[in-house]
Amino acid sequence: MIAPPFRKYFWPITKNKDMKKTVLLAATLMAAFCSGAQVFNPPVGIATSLGGGAYNLTPSASCGVYHAGAIWCTTPLSFNTSFILTYQSSSDIFSGSGADGICAVFGSNLTPVSLNGTAGYLGYYDNGTTNHDFQKSFAVEFDIFNDNPIVNDPAGLGDHTMVARDANPYTVLPGASPIQTSPTLSNIKDKRFHTYTITWNCSANTLRVYFDDSLRITSVYDYRTIFTNPNVVNWGLTAGIGSSCSNQIVKNINLIVTDSCSSACFLGAQFSAVPTGGCGITFTVGPVPGPYVTPAVYDWNFGDGSPEDIVTSNSVFHSYPGSGTYVTTLRLVGYNSQTGSCCDTIIYDTVTVNCPKGIMQPAKKEIPVPDGIKLFPNPSQGTLNVQTSQFNFNGIKIYNITGAKVWQQTYNNASNTSINISSLPNGMYVIELSDTNGNLHMQKINLIK
């Protein structure tokens, strides 16, 4: 099961009210990591290692003139696979109003010593003459100083983020124009470690940028066209300072690259749902089995049509629109620090919400029909008909309740088919349809021969 980061999952109604009876679709993915000094090249420019996989990209000792620092991963990645990049970063106000910011850079021409910086460019700059390392690249910029009217910093905008290519802040990629980095804070130079997440969904050509678990940018564009070879893309973090400067520290850098699947390493993980006032539910994920397995992100789909919520904490609150029974889906993405493998597991179960009287109730059909999918007969005796009315599909996969893939077939923009599953043992299975936009749609069936 190839499971690119943060695809939308759609689930049918179930009647199971026991939170302990979860069905897991689990996959351990091959992964490439850049976590810790041993897999980064030596810091470039003024950047220094703090040990334990942490770096100060712009130490305050270099304050006063335009300087830049960078770290580059030793392992390139492929934009023909999907990935999740997460790291934590803090910045202070050492002098002036603090400056300048950090870029996550991905490019074809980058080397272990790539760096070029001047005022406002965060170490990501093409001087137009001798240094062209940043051509055929793009950067996700987290800017902590407004240089308006230069470098495409809009007047009045606080600390902000955007995505631009080829070291040109005016070559902004679709859907990635400058926006305040935090939905609530205009100034993030507070010495706190904030979480930054960048995801790439290769099948949907979608790049997403999150700050402290809040989605800030969704850019739909084929980023592979930027590179000379999208299968070999170098990456790292750059930063700059000037007459105003900040200590810009990064740590806990993890890159999880989706490739292929085998066994489950989050098998046995569960979440609880506790009513928390009104129509609210607090979901908490219990301890993950195994001493070396660590979740990196928690991707929640609450089953009420609201946008999925991607967080890095094991607890999240959600307010439902009204009383009813909802299918809640949790996707755990993480890695095993002992084996170096990546884990991708889906857990789903029903949640019953009882709102106080007077709160608006949803329509009778409390859980949305899963995209007009019809699977019949269900239970099946060996033949299963598949019909869709709201999307066409390019593939069908079938998984048993342990998460093992037991059947698959590719299609070309189909809306109906009939499949023979008589060779499978009796039991419950999950049917996964992949639509033409890269989304996954799932339903349960029972096979009784």
Protein backbone atom coordinates (compact mmCIF):
# COMPACT_ATOMS: atom_id res chain seq x y z
CA MET A 1 0.00 0.00 0.00
CA ILE A 2 1.65 3.20 -1.12
CA ALA A 3 0.32 5.90 1.18
CA PRO A 4 1.55 9.39 0.29
CA PRO A 5 1.32 11.87 3.13
CA PHE A 6 -2.05 13.34 4.00
CA ARG A 7 -4.24 11.96 1.32
CA LYS A 8 -7.90 12.31 2.19
CA TYR A 9 -9.41 9.06 3.44
CA PHE A 10 -13.15 8.40 3.28
CA TRP A 11 -14.79 5.81 5.47
CA PRO A 12 -18.25 4.19 5.59
CA ILE A 13 -20.69 3.97 8.51
CA THR A 14 -20.05 1.20 11.03
CA LYS A 15 -22.08 0.13 14.06
CA ASN A 16 -19.15 -0.77 16.31
CA LYS A 17 -19.37 1.25 19.55
CA ASP A 18 -16.43 -0.41 21.31
CA MET A 19 -13.44 1.90 21.03
CA LYS A 20 -11.12 -1.06 21.60
CA LYS A 21 -12.29 -2.89 18.47
CA THR A 22 -10.23 -1.03 15.95
CA VAL A 23 -9.28 -2.17 12.50
CA LEU A 24 -5.79 -1.19 11.44
CA LEU A 25 -4.46 -0.83 7.97
CA ALA A 26 -0.77 -0.74 8.68
CA ALA A 27 2.34 -0.35 6.59
CA THR A 28 6.00 -0.06 7.38
CA LEU A 29 7.58 2.09 4.69
CA MET A 30 11.13 2.25 3.46
CA ALA A 31 12.39 5.66 4.44
CA ALA A 32 15.28 8.06 4.16
CA PHE A 33 16.10 10.14 7.22
CA CYS A 34 18.15 13.21 7.87
CA SER A 35 18.00 13.31 11.64
CA GLY A 36 21.13 14.24 13.55
CA ALA A 37 24.59 15.48 12.65
CA GLN A 38 25.74 12.14 11.29
CA VAL A 39 23.64 12.49 8.14
CA PHE A 40 24.18 16.20 7.51
CA ASN A 41 27.24 17.62 5.89
CA PRO A 42 29.32 19.98 8.08
CA PRO A 43 27.56 23.32 8.66
CA VAL A 44 28.25 26.01 6.07
CA GLY A 45 28.91 29.72 6.59
CA ILE A 46 28.28 30.89 10.14
CA ALA A 47 26.10 27.90 11.08
CA THR A 48 27.34 25.80 14.00
CA SER A 49 26.43 22.41 15.41
CA LEU A 50 25.04 22.37 18.96
CA GLY A 51 25.20 18.59 19.19
CA GLY A 52 22.36 16.08 19.33
CA GLY A 53 21.12 17.00 15.86
CA ALA A 54 20.60 20.68 16.73
CA TYR A 55 22.15 23.64 14.90
CA ASN A 56 22.35 27.40 15.34
CA LEU A 57 22.16 28.61 11.76
CA THR A 58 22.92 32.25 12.66
CA PRO A 59 24.83 32.63 15.96
CA SER A 60 24.55 36.09 17.48
CA ALA A 61 28.36 36.39 17.52
CA SER A 62 28.17 37.15 13.80
CA CYS A 63 25.61 39.93 14.23
CA GLY A 64 26.14 43.30 12.61
CA VAL A 65 26.80 42.47 8.96
CA TYR A 66 25.04 40.35 6.37
CA HIS A 67 25.86 36.71 7.06
CA ALA A 68 24.27 33.37 6.25
CA GLY A 69 24.47 29.78 7.43
CA ALA A 70 23.21 26.46 6.10
CA ILE A 71 23.09 22.72 6.65
CA TRP A 72 22.69 20.22 3.80
CA CYS A 73 21.50 16.65 4.08
CA THR A 74 23.86 13.99 2.77
CA THR A 75 20.98 11.97 1.28
CA PRO A 76 19.04 13.35 -1.73
CA LEU A 77 15.34 12.65 -2.04
CA SER A 78 13.03 11.92 -4.97
CA PHE A 79 10.02 14.08 -5.81
CA ASN A 80 8.51 11.01 -7.46
CA THR A 81 7.74 9.83 -3.93
CA SER A 82 5.81 11.64 -1.23
CA PHE A 83 7.43 12.89 1.94
CA ILE A 84 6.94 14.63 5.27
CA LEU A 85 9.61 17.01 6.56
CA THR A 86 9.27 18.18 10.16
CA TYR A 87 11.62 20.19 12.34
CA GLN A 88 11.48 22.51 15.32
CA SER A 89 12.94 25.99 15.30
CA SER A 90 13.27 28.88 17.70
CA SER A 91 14.42 32.46 17.17
CA ASP A 92 15.06 35.38 19.48
CA ILE A 93 15.55 39.13 19.11
CA PHE A 94 19.26 39.57 19.75
CA SER A 95 19.54 43.01 18.17
CA GLY A 96 17.25 45.45 16.39
CA SER A 97 13.94 43.75 15.70
CA GLY A 98 15.48 40.36 14.97
CA ALA A 99 16.16 38.88 11.53
CA ASP A 100 16.08 37.36 8.97
CA GLY A 101 14.54 33.90 8.72
CA ILE A 102 15.01 30.33 7.51
CA CYS A 103 14.43 28.63 4.15
CA ALA A 104 13.85 24.92 3.54
CA VAL A 105 15.53 24.54 0.14
CA PHE A 106 15.17 21.75 -2.44
CA GLY A 107 17.26 21.83 -5.62
CA SER A 108 19.19 20.08 -8.39
CA ASN A 109 22.44 22.09 -8.23
CA LEU A 110 22.93 22.21 -4.46
CA THR A 111 26.25 21.05 -3.04
CA PRO A 112 27.46 20.44 0.54
CA VAL A 113 28.80 24.03 0.60
CA SER A 114 26.01 25.90 -1.23
CA LEU A 115 25.38 29.29 0.35
CA ASN A 116 24.91 32.83 -0.87
CA GLY A 117 23.31 35.58 1.18
CA THR A 118 22.65 39.26 1.24
CA ALA A 119 20.09 41.50 2.91
CA GLY A 120 16.69 39.85 3.24
CA TYR A 121 17.43 36.70 1.25
CA LEU A 122 17.80 34.24 4.16
CA GLY A 123 20.88 32.61 2.63
CA TYR A 124 18.91 31.73 -0.51
CA TYR A 125 20.24 34.08 -3.18
CA ASP A 126 21.59 34.03 -6.75
CA ASN A 127 24.08 36.83 -7.33
CA GLY A 128 23.61 36.52 -11.09
CA THR A 129 27.31 36.08 -11.83
CA THR A 130 29.33 33.33 -10.15
CA ASN A 131 27.04 31.30 -7.93
CA HIS A 132 24.09 29.52 -9.53
CA ASP A 133 23.63 26.70 -7.05
CA PHE A 134 20.09 27.88 -6.35
CA GLN A 135 18.89 27.69 -9.94
CA LYS A 136 16.52 24.75 -10.54
CA SER A 137 15.40 24.91 -6.93
CA PHE A 138 12.60 26.17 -4.72
CA ALA A 139 12.45 27.31 -1.11
CA VAL A 140 9.79 27.38 1.58
CA GLU A 141 10.61 30.67 3.28
CA PHE A 142 9.89 31.47 6.92
CA ASP A 143 10.73 35.17 7.09
CA ILE A 144 11.04 36.93 10.47
CA PHE A 145 11.87 40.43 9.17
CA ASN A 146 9.83 42.60 6.83
CA ASP A 147 12.10 44.19 4.20
CA ASN A 148 9.31 46.00 2.37
CA PRO A 149 9.52 47.31 -0.31
CA ILE A 150 12.14 44.74 -1.38
CA VAL A 151 12.24 40.91 -1.63
CA ASN A 152 8.45 40.65 -2.02
CA ASP A 153 7.68 41.42 1.63
CA PRO A 154 4.14 42.91 1.68
CA ALA A 155 3.74 46.10 3.71
CA GLY A 156 2.26 45.55 7.15
CA LEU A 157 2.70 41.77 7.11
CA GLY A 158 4.44 40.33 10.17
CA ASP A 159 6.57 37.21 10.20
CA HIS A 160 5.50 35.39 7.08
CA THR A 161 5.95 32.39 4.82
CA MET A 162 5.79 31.75 1.08
CA VAL A 163 7.21 29.42 -1.58
CA ALA A 164 9.40 30.76 -4.42
CA ARG A 165 11.78 29.25 -6.93
CA ASP A 166 15.27 29.86 -8.34
CA ALA A 167 16.34 32.23 -5.53
CA ASN A 168 13.88 34.86 -6.77
CA PRO A 169 11.34 35.96 -4.14
CA TYR A 170 9.13 37.35 -6.89
CA THR A 171 8.81 33.97 -8.62
CA VAL A 172 6.13 32.72 -6.26
CA LEU A 173 4.65 29.29 -6.94
CA PRO A 174 0.87 28.76 -7.27
CA GLY A 175 -1.07 29.11 -4.03
CA ALA A 176 2.06 30.07 -2.09
CA SER A 177 2.00 33.88 -1.91
CA PRO A 178 3.23 35.53 1.32
CA ILE A 179 1.01 34.83 4.31
CA GLN A 180 1.52 35.38 8.03
CA THR A 181 3.37 32.32 9.33
CA SER A 182 1.25 31.95 12.45
CA PRO A 183 -2.54 32.32 12.33
CA THR A 184 -2.43 34.10 15.69
CA LEU A 185 1.08 35.59 16.16
CA SER A 186 2.51 38.37 14.03
CA ASN A 187 5.87 37.91 15.78
CA ILE A 188 7.21 34.38 16.28
CA LYS A 189 10.62 35.50 17.61
CA ASP A 190 9.67 34.38 21.12
CA LYS A 191 12.52 31.93 21.94
CA ARG A 192 10.01 29.08 21.83
CA PHE A 193 10.47 26.02 19.66
CA HIS A 194 7.74 25.95 17.05
CA THR A 195 7.03 22.99 14.78
CA TYR A 196 7.36 23.36 11.02
CA THR A 197 5.97 20.71 8.68
CA ILE A 198 6.27 20.49 4.89
CA THR A 199 4.50 17.70 3.00
CA TRP A 200 4.69 16.68 -0.65
CA ASN A 201 1.98 14.47 -2.20
CA CYS A 202 3.47 13.39 -5.52
CA SER A 203 0.30 11.78 -6.93
CA ALA A 204 -1.74 14.95 -6.33
CA ASN A 205 1.12 17.42 -7.09
CA THR A 206 0.39 19.15 -3.79
CA LEU A 207 2.80 20.84 -1.38
CA ARG A 208 1.48 21.82 2.06
CA VAL A 209 3.12 23.96 4.73
CA TYR A 210 2.15 23.88 8.41
CA PHE A 211 3.16 26.01 11.38
CA ASP A 212 2.48 24.51 14.80
CA ASP A 213 -0.01 22.11 13.22
CA SER A 214 -1.94 24.89 11.42
CA LEU A 215 -2.14 24.58 7.65
CA ARG A 216 -0.80 27.80 6.10
CA ILE A 217 -0.11 27.01 2.43
CA THR A 218 -1.57 24.54 -0.06
CA SER A 219 0.23 24.73 -3.40
CA VAL A 220 -0.97 22.57 -6.30
CA TYR A 221 1.83 22.49 -8.88
CA ASP A 222 4.05 19.85 -10.45
CA TYR A 223 7.21 20.71 -8.51
CA ARG A 224 9.05 17.96 -10.39
CA THR A 225 9.29 20.25 -13.41
CA ILE A 226 11.63 22.53 -11.45
CA PHE A 227 14.45 20.02 -11.26
CA THR A 228 16.93 18.59 -13.76
CA ASN A 229 16.22 15.14 -12.36
CA PRO A 230 13.29 14.90 -9.92
CA ASN A 231 14.65 11.58 -8.64
CA VAL A 232 17.78 13.25 -7.25
CA VAL A 233 16.98 16.42 -5.29
CA ASN A 234 19.30 17.75 -2.62
CA TRP A 235 17.85 19.63 0.33
CA GLY A 236 18.70 21.53 3.47
CA LEU A 237 18.04 24.62 5.58
CA THR A 238 19.51 28.10 5.05
CA ALA A 239 19.24 31.25 7.17
CA GLY A 240 20.48 34.83 7.17
CA ILE A 241 21.03 37.83 9.45
CA GLY A 242 21.91 41.50 9.00
CA SER A 243 22.16 44.58 11.18
CA SER A 244 19.15 43.15 13.01
CA CYS A 245 19.78 39.56 13.98
CA SER A 246 18.50 36.50 15.79
CA ASN A 247 19.85 33.21 17.00
CA GLN A 248 17.97 30.80 14.72
CA ILE A 249 18.15 27.29 16.12
CA VAL A 250 16.79 24.13 14.49
CA LYS A 251 16.47 20.65 15.97
CA ASN A 252 14.54 17.37 15.67
CA ILE A 253 14.82 17.38 11.88
CA ASN A 254 13.05 14.36 10.38
CA LEU A 255 12.40 13.57 6.74
CA ILE A 256 10.13 10.59 6.10
CA VAL A 257 10.01 9.47 2.48
CA THR A 258 7.24 7.11 1.42
CA ASP A 259 8.30 4.23 -0.79
CA SER A 260 6.89 0.74 -0.23
CA CYS A 261 5.11 -1.18 2.48
CA SER A 262 5.60 -4.32 4.48
CA SER A 263 4.51 -5.08 8.07
CA ALA A 264 2.91 -2.97 10.77
CA CYS A 265 4.93 -1.37 13.54
CA PHE A 266 2.09 0.68 15.11
CA LEU A 267 -0.08 -2.44 15.38
CA GLY A 268 -2.04 -2.28 18.64
CA ALA A 269 -2.14 1.51 18.90
CA GLN A 270 -5.51 2.88 20.05
CA PHE A 271 -7.15 6.23 20.67
CA SER A 272 -9.77 7.24 23.22
CA ALA A 273 -12.59 9.76 22.80
CA VAL A 274 -13.75 11.78 25.82
CA PRO A 275 -16.70 14.25 25.69
CA THR A 276 -15.40 17.75 26.47
CA GLY A 277 -18.31 20.17 26.67
CA GLY A 278 -21.00 20.91 24.09
CA CYS A 279 -20.44 18.79 21.01
CA GLY A 280 -16.70 18.57 21.68
CA ILE A 281 -14.59 15.44 21.87
CA THR A 282 -10.98 15.18 23.04
CA PHE A 283 -9.12 12.39 21.27
CA THR A 284 -5.98 10.96 22.87
CA VAL A 285 -3.67 8.36 21.36
CA GLY A 286 -2.33 5.86 23.88
CA PRO A 287 1.26 4.67 24.12
CA VAL A 288 2.62 3.24 20.89
CA PRO A 289 3.75 -0.38 21.22
CA GLY A 290 7.47 -0.98 21.00
CA PRO A 291 10.37 0.92 22.59
CA TYR A 292 11.80 2.29 19.34
CA VAL A 293 8.65 3.39 17.50
CA THR A 294 7.88 7.11 17.53
CA PRO A 295 4.98 8.87 15.77
CA ALA A 296 6.01 12.02 13.90
CA VAL A 297 2.54 13.27 12.94
CA TYR A 298 -1.08 12.45 13.74
CA ASP A 299 -3.47 12.94 10.81
CA TRP A 300 -7.13 13.07 11.95
CA ASN A 301 -10.26 12.82 9.81
CA PHE A 302 -13.22 13.33 12.14
CA GLY A 303 -15.85 11.96 9.76
CA ASP A 304 -18.09 15.04 9.73
CA GLY A 305 -16.88 16.61 6.49
CA SER A 306 -14.51 19.03 8.22
CA PRO A 307 -10.92 19.42 6.95
CA GLU A 308 -8.45 16.86 8.23
CA ASP A 309 -6.40 18.02 11.20
CA ILE A 310 -2.67 17.24 11.16
CA VAL A 311 -0.92 17.63 14.51
CA THR A 312 2.30 16.56 16.19
CA SER A 313 0.72 16.02 19.62
CA ASN A 314 -0.97 12.78 20.70
CA SER A 315 -4.06 14.71 21.83
CA VAL A 316 -6.50 16.84 19.82
CA PHE A 317 -9.90 18.49 20.44
CA HIS A 318 -12.70 18.57 17.85
CA SER A 319 -16.17 20.12 18.01
CA TYR A 320 -18.79 18.23 15.99
CA PRO A 321 -21.76 19.92 14.26
CA GLY A 322 -24.33 17.94 16.21
CA SER A 323 -25.31 14.66 17.88
CA GLY A 324 -24.70 11.50 15.95
CA THR A 325 -22.36 8.65 15.22
CA TYR A 326 -19.25 9.51 13.23
CA VAL A 327 -16.43 7.41 11.82
CA THR A 328 -13.15 8.95 13.01
CA THR A 329 -9.94 8.04 11.22
CA LEU A 330 -6.43 8.47 12.60
CA ARG A 331 -3.34 8.12 10.45
CA LEU A 332 -0.09 7.66 12.39
CA VAL A 333 3.12 8.40 10.51
CA GLY A 334 6.45 7.86 12.20
CA TYR A 335 9.56 5.75 12.28
CA ASN A 336 11.49 3.08 14.10
CA SER A 337 14.74 4.52 15.43
CA GLN A 338 16.34 1.08 15.73
CA THR A 339 15.66 -0.22 12.21
CA GLY A 340 15.46 3.13 10.38
CA SER A 341 12.14 2.12 8.82
CA CYS A 342 9.13 4.38 8.47
CA CYS A 343 5.68 3.42 9.72
CA ASP A 344 2.31 4.43 8.33
CA THR A 345 -0.79 3.10 10.09
CA ILE A 346 -4.50 3.88 9.84
CA ILE A 347 -6.88 3.32 12.77
CA TYR A 348 -10.59 3.97 12.53
CA ASP A 349 -13.62 3.60 14.78
CA THR A 350 -17.02 5.09 15.46
CA VAL A 351 -17.54 7.93 17.92
CA THR A 352 -20.95 8.73 19.40
CA VAL A 353 -21.56 12.42 20.11
CA ASN A 354 -24.39 13.53 22.40
CA CYS A 355 -24.79 17.29 22.30
CA PRO A 356 -26.81 19.21 24.91
CA LYS A 357 -30.38 20.07 23.96
CA GLY A 358 -30.73 23.21 21.88
CA ILE A 359 -27.63 22.60 19.76
CA MET A 360 -28.44 22.26 16.08
CA GLN A 361 -28.60 18.68 14.90
CA PRO A 362 -27.23 17.56 11.57
CA ALA A 363 -29.40 16.12 8.86
CA LYS A 364 -30.73 12.61 9.30
CA LYS A 365 -27.85 11.23 7.27
CA GLU A 366 -25.32 12.02 9.97
CA ILE A 367 -22.30 10.57 8.24
CA PRO A 368 -21.73 11.57 4.62
CA VAL A 369 -22.29 8.86 2.03
CA PRO A 370 -18.75 7.80 1.10
CA ASP A 371 -18.61 9.48 -2.31
CA GLY A 372 -21.35 7.46 -3.94
CA ILE A 373 -19.46 4.15 -3.71
CA LYS A 374 -21.58 1.03 -4.09
CA LEU A 375 -20.12 -2.36 -3.23
CA PHE A 376 -22.57 -5.22 -3.75
CA PRO A 377 -23.52 -7.79 -2.77
CA ASN A 378 -22.18 -7.25 0.74
CA PRO A 379 -21.64 -9.80 2.22
CA SER A 380 -20.17 -11.24 -0.95
CA GLN A 381 -20.06 -14.93 -1.85
CA GLY A 382 -17.09 -14.42 -4.16
CA THR A 383 -18.12 -11.82 -6.72
CA LEU A 384 -18.09 -8.11 -5.85
CA ASN A 385 -19.51 -5.31 -7.99
CA VAL A 386 -17.93 -1.86 -7.62
CA GLN A 387 -19.70 1.30 -8.79
CA THR A 388 -18.88 4.98 -8.21
CA SER A 389 -21.05 7.97 -9.04
CA GLN A 390 -18.95 10.94 -7.86
CA PHE A 391 -15.45 10.04 -9.07
CA ASN A 392 -13.61 7.64 -11.38
CA PHE A 393 -10.90 5.30 -10.15
CA ASN A 394 -7.54 4.08 -11.42
CA GLY A 395 -6.94 1.27 -8.97
CA ILE A 396 -8.48 -1.08 -6.42
CA LYS A 397 -6.64 -2.75 -3.55
CA ILE A 398 -8.01 -5.12 -0.93
CA TYR A 399 -6.58 -5.50 2.59
CA ASN A 400 -7.37 -7.98 5.32
CA ILE A 401 -7.83 -6.83 8.91
CA THR A 402 -4.13 -7.21 9.70
CA GLY A 403 -3.28 -4.63 7.04
CA ALA A 404 -1.87 -7.12 4.52
CA LYS A 405 -2.64 -6.40 0.87
CA VAL A 406 -4.31 -9.50 -0.58
CA TRP A 407 -5.55 -8.29 -3.99
CA GLN A 408 -4.98 -5.40 -6.40
CA GLN A 409 -5.85 -4.33 -9.92
CA THR A 410 -5.18 -1.18 -11.99
CA TYR A 411 -7.87 0.54 -14.07
CA ASN A 412 -8.07 3.50 -16.43
CA ASN A 413 -10.60 6.14 -15.35
CA ALA A 414 -13.21 3.51 -14.49
CA SER A 415 -16.54 3.98 -12.72
CA ASN A 416 -17.68 0.37 -12.44
CA THR A 417 -16.24 -3.13 -12.48
CA SER A 418 -16.86 -6.64 -11.19
CA ILE A 419 -14.10 -8.52 -9.37
CA ASN A 420 -13.66 -12.14 -8.34
CA ILE A 421 -12.52 -12.55 -4.73
CA SER A 422 -13.56 -16.18 -4.30
CA SER A 423 -9.93 -17.22 -3.73
CA LEU A 424 -9.78 -15.18 -0.49
CA PRO A 425 -10.65 -16.72 2.88
CA ASN A 426 -13.91 -15.81 4.56
CA GLY A 427 -13.69 -12.68 6.68
CA MET A 428 -13.82 -8.89 6.73
CA TYR A 429 -11.80 -6.85 4.20
CA VAL A 430 -11.22 -3.20 3.37
CA ILE A 431 -11.59 -2.12 -0.25
CA GLU A 432 -9.42 0.84 -1.24
CA LEU A 433 -10.20 2.80 -4.41
CA SER A 434 -7.68 5.37 -5.68
CA ASP A 435 -9.31 8.16 -7.67
CA THR A 436 -7.84 10.15 -10.55
CA ASN A 437 -6.79 12.97 -8.15
CA GLY A 438 -4.73 10.68 -5.94
CA ASN A 439 -7.29 10.45 -3.10
CA LEU A 440 -8.08 7.14 -1.41
CA HIS A 441 -11.64 5.97 -0.66
CA MET A 442 -12.29 2.97 1.56
CA GLN A 443 -15.18 0.72 2.55
CA LYS A 444 -15.54 -2.51 4.43
CA ILE A 445 -16.97 -5.70 3.01
CA ASN A 446 -17.55 -9.20 4.34
CA LEU A 447 -16.79 -12.35 2.38
CA ILE A 448 -18.95 -15.35 3.28
CA LYS A 449 -18.76 -18.24 0.84
